[in-house]
Amino acid sequence: MLLFFGFDSERSRAISKLGRFGDRDQSDIQALLRLPGVEVEEFERLAREAIDYYVGNHLPIWGNVKVVLDDYHNGG
């Protein structure tokens, strides 16, 4: 399961990892969100847009987004 929104950037790489969401994906997302020029608000906006195109149950992906944002805001 892979989410991808059509932007070539660190944010879209982070978005693409929301579907698999293994331990490595979670740490990769946190590292990408801490890169210069990457804003967590933009990540959240892109995640919301990408989920609209996701085929299947959106709830697990929303849960993954919530985990990412909670970890980010808590220094994860």
N, C-alpha and C. Protein backbone atom coordinates (compact mmCIF):
# COMPACT_ATOMS: atom_id res chain seq x y z
N MET A 1 0.85 -1.15 0.00
CA MET A 1 0.00 0.00 0.00
C MET A 1 0.91 1.22 0.00
N LEU A 2 0.72 2.10 -0.99
CA LEU A 2 1.60 3.25 -1.13
C LEU A 2 0.79 4.47 -1.48
N LEU A 3 0.97 5.54 -0.75
CA LEU A 3 0.36 6.81 -1.09
C LEU A 3 1.42 7.68 -1.72
N PHE A 4 1.06 8.32 -2.81
CA PHE A 4 2.01 9.25 -3.42
C PHE A 4 1.24 10.40 -4.01
N PHE A 5 1.63 11.58 -3.69
CA PHE A 5 1.03 12.77 -4.27
C PHE A 5 2.07 13.39 -5.18
N GLY A 6 1.69 13.86 -6.34
CA GLY A 6 2.61 14.18 -7.41
C GLY A 6 3.55 15.35 -7.25
N PHE A 7 4.27 15.45 -6.18
CA PHE A 7 5.29 16.47 -6.02
C PHE A 7 6.62 15.77 -5.77
N ASP A 8 7.67 16.26 -6.42
CA ASP A 8 9.00 15.68 -6.24
C ASP A 8 9.69 16.45 -5.11
N SER A 9 9.52 15.98 -3.90
CA SER A 9 10.08 16.68 -2.75
C SER A 9 10.17 15.74 -1.57
N GLU A 10 10.79 16.26 -0.53
CA GLU A 10 10.89 15.50 0.71
C GLU A 10 9.50 15.21 1.27
N ARG A 11 8.60 16.18 1.14
CA ARG A 11 7.24 15.98 1.66
C ARG A 11 6.55 14.83 0.96
N SER A 12 6.68 14.73 -0.35
CA SER A 12 5.99 13.64 -1.04
C SER A 12 6.61 12.30 -0.72
N ARG A 13 7.91 12.26 -0.44
CA ARG A 13 8.51 11.00 0.02
C ARG A 13 7.94 10.61 1.36
N ALA A 14 7.74 11.61 2.22
CA ALA A 14 7.14 11.32 3.53
C ALA A 14 5.70 10.84 3.35
N ILE A 15 4.95 11.46 2.46
CA ILE A 15 3.57 11.05 2.19
C ILE A 15 3.53 9.61 1.70
N SER A 16 4.48 9.26 0.83
CA SER A 16 4.47 7.92 0.24
C SER A 16 4.70 6.82 1.28
N LYS A 17 5.29 7.17 2.42
CA LYS A 17 5.58 6.19 3.46
C LYS A 17 4.41 5.97 4.43
N LEU A 18 3.37 6.76 4.31
CA LEU A 18 2.23 6.63 5.22
C LEU A 18 1.49 5.31 5.05
N GLY A 19 1.49 4.76 3.85
CA GLY A 19 0.76 3.52 3.61
C GLY A 19 1.40 2.31 4.27
N ARG A 20 2.72 2.17 4.11
CA ARG A 20 3.44 1.03 4.71
C ARG A 20 3.55 1.21 6.20
N PHE A 21 4.13 2.33 6.59
CA PHE A 21 4.22 2.82 7.97
C PHE A 21 4.88 1.86 8.94
N GLY A 22 5.92 1.18 8.48
CA GLY A 22 6.74 0.37 9.39
C GLY A 22 7.62 1.28 10.23
N ASP A 23 8.39 0.68 11.13
CA ASP A 23 9.28 1.47 12.00
C ASP A 23 10.23 2.34 11.19
N ARG A 24 10.82 1.75 10.15
CA ARG A 24 11.75 2.51 9.31
C ARG A 24 11.05 3.67 8.60
N ASP A 25 9.83 3.42 8.11
CA ASP A 25 9.06 4.48 7.45
C ASP A 25 8.79 5.63 8.42
N GLN A 26 8.42 5.29 9.65
CA GLN A 26 8.13 6.32 10.64
C GLN A 26 9.36 7.17 10.95
N SER A 27 10.51 6.53 11.11
CA SER A 27 11.72 7.32 11.39
C SER A 27 12.15 8.12 10.17
N ASP A 28 11.95 7.56 8.97
CA ASP A 28 12.26 8.31 7.75
C ASP A 28 11.39 9.56 7.64
N ILE A 29 10.11 9.41 7.94
CA ILE A 29 9.20 10.56 7.87
C ILE A 29 9.64 11.65 8.84
N GLN A 30 9.98 11.26 10.07
CA GLN A 30 10.41 12.26 11.05
C GLN A 30 11.69 12.96 10.58
N ALA A 31 12.62 12.20 10.02
CA ALA A 31 13.87 12.80 9.51
C ALA A 31 13.58 13.76 8.36
N LEU A 32 12.70 13.36 7.45
CA LEU A 32 12.35 14.23 6.32
C LEU A 32 11.67 15.50 6.79
N LEU A 33 10.81 15.40 7.80
CA LEU A 33 10.11 16.58 8.29
C LEU A 33 11.03 17.57 8.99
N ARG A 34 12.21 17.11 9.39
CA ARG A 34 13.16 17.99 10.06
C ARG A 34 14.19 18.61 9.12
N LEU A 35 14.09 18.31 7.84
CA LEU A 35 15.00 18.90 6.86
C LEU A 35 14.69 20.38 6.68
N PRO A 36 15.72 21.18 6.39
CA PRO A 36 15.47 22.62 6.15
C PRO A 36 14.49 22.80 5.00
N GLY A 37 13.59 23.74 5.18
CA GLY A 37 12.63 24.07 4.13
C GLY A 37 11.40 23.19 4.10
N VAL A 38 11.33 22.18 4.96
CA VAL A 38 10.15 21.32 5.01
C VAL A 38 9.29 21.77 6.18
N GLU A 39 8.03 22.08 5.88
CA GLU A 39 7.11 22.54 6.91
C GLU A 39 6.09 21.45 7.21
N VAL A 40 5.90 21.16 8.47
CA VAL A 40 4.97 20.10 8.88
C VAL A 40 3.55 20.43 8.45
N GLU A 41 3.20 21.70 8.41
CA GLU A 41 1.86 22.09 7.97
C GLU A 41 1.63 21.71 6.50
N GLU A 42 2.65 21.88 5.68
CA GLU A 42 2.56 21.50 4.27
C GLU A 42 2.43 19.98 4.14
N PHE A 43 3.18 19.25 4.95
CA PHE A 43 3.06 17.79 4.97
C PHE A 43 1.63 17.39 5.30
N GLU A 44 1.07 18.01 6.33
CA GLU A 44 -0.30 17.66 6.73
C GLU A 44 -1.29 17.99 5.62
N ARG A 45 -1.13 19.12 4.96
CA ARG A 45 -2.02 19.49 3.87
C ARG A 45 -1.93 18.48 2.73
N LEU A 46 -0.70 18.12 2.35
CA LEU A 46 -0.51 17.15 1.28
C LEU A 46 -1.05 15.77 1.66
N ALA A 47 -0.90 15.40 2.92
CA ALA A 47 -1.44 14.12 3.39
C ALA A 47 -2.95 14.11 3.25
N ARG A 48 -3.59 15.20 3.64
CA ARG A 48 -5.05 15.30 3.52
C ARG A 48 -5.49 15.17 2.06
N GLU A 49 -4.78 15.85 1.18
CA GLU A 49 -5.11 15.78 -0.25
C GLU A 49 -4.88 14.37 -0.80
N ALA A 50 -3.77 13.76 -0.42
CA ALA A 50 -3.45 12.42 -0.93
C ALA A 50 -4.47 11.38 -0.46
N ILE A 51 -4.92 11.51 0.77
CA ILE A 51 -5.88 10.55 1.31
C ILE A 51 -7.19 10.58 0.52
N ASP A 52 -7.53 11.75 -0.02
CA ASP A 52 -8.74 11.83 -0.85
C ASP A 52 -8.67 10.90 -2.05
N TYR A 53 -7.47 10.57 -2.51
CA TYR A 53 -7.29 9.71 -3.69
C TYR A 53 -7.03 8.25 -3.31
N TYR A 54 -6.90 7.98 -2.04
CA TYR A 54 -6.59 6.64 -1.57
C TYR A 54 -7.81 5.74 -1.72
N VAL A 55 -7.60 4.57 -2.29
CA VAL A 55 -8.69 3.60 -2.45
C VAL A 55 -8.64 2.65 -1.26
N GLY A 56 -9.72 2.60 -0.54
CA GLY A 56 -9.77 1.73 0.63
C GLY A 56 -10.16 2.52 1.86
N ASN A 57 -10.00 1.89 2.99
CA ASN A 57 -10.36 2.47 4.27
C ASN A 57 -9.37 3.58 4.62
N HIS A 58 -9.87 4.79 4.78
CA HIS A 58 -9.01 5.94 5.09
C HIS A 58 -8.58 5.99 6.56
N LEU A 59 -9.33 5.33 7.44
CA LEU A 59 -9.06 5.45 8.87
C LEU A 59 -7.65 5.04 9.29
N PRO A 60 -7.10 3.91 8.78
CA PRO A 60 -5.73 3.57 9.19
C PRO A 60 -4.71 4.61 8.74
N ILE A 61 -4.92 5.18 7.57
CA ILE A 61 -3.98 6.21 7.08
C ILE A 61 -4.10 7.46 7.92
N TRP A 62 -5.33 7.86 8.26
CA TRP A 62 -5.51 9.00 9.16
C TRP A 62 -4.83 8.75 10.50
N GLY A 63 -4.92 7.52 11.00
CA GLY A 63 -4.23 7.18 12.24
C GLY A 63 -2.73 7.34 12.10
N ASN A 64 -2.19 6.95 10.94
CA ASN A 64 -0.74 7.10 10.70
C ASN A 64 -0.36 8.58 10.67
N VAL A 65 -1.18 9.41 10.04
CA VAL A 65 -0.91 10.85 10.01
C VAL A 65 -0.91 11.41 11.42
N LYS A 66 -1.87 10.99 12.22
CA LYS A 66 -1.94 11.47 13.61
C LYS A 66 -0.69 11.06 14.39
N VAL A 67 -0.23 9.84 14.21
CA VAL A 67 0.98 9.38 14.89
C VAL A 67 2.17 10.24 14.47
N VAL A 68 2.30 10.49 13.17
CA VAL A 68 3.42 11.31 12.66
C VAL A 68 3.38 12.70 13.28
N LEU A 69 2.22 13.33 13.27
CA LEU A 69 2.11 14.69 13.79
C LEU A 69 2.35 14.72 15.30
N ASP A 70 1.80 13.75 16.04
CA ASP A 70 2.04 13.68 17.48
C ASP A 70 3.53 13.50 17.78
N ASP A 71 4.18 12.58 17.06
CA ASP A 71 5.60 12.35 17.26
C ASP A 71 6.41 13.61 16.93
N TYR A 72 6.06 14.26 15.84
CA TYR A 72 6.77 15.46 15.43
C TYR A 72 6.65 16.55 16.50
N HIS A 73 5.43 16.79 16.97
CA HIS A 73 5.21 17.86 17.94
C HIS A 73 5.73 17.52 19.32
N ASN A 74 5.98 16.23 19.58
CA ASN A 74 6.54 15.81 20.86
C ASN A 74 8.02 15.48 20.77
N GLY A 75 8.66 15.92 19.68
CA GLY A 75 10.10 15.74 19.53
C GLY A 75 10.51 14.36 19.09
N GLY A 76 9.59 13.57 18.52
CA GLY A 76 9.84 12.19 18.10
C GLY A 76 10.78 12.00 17.01
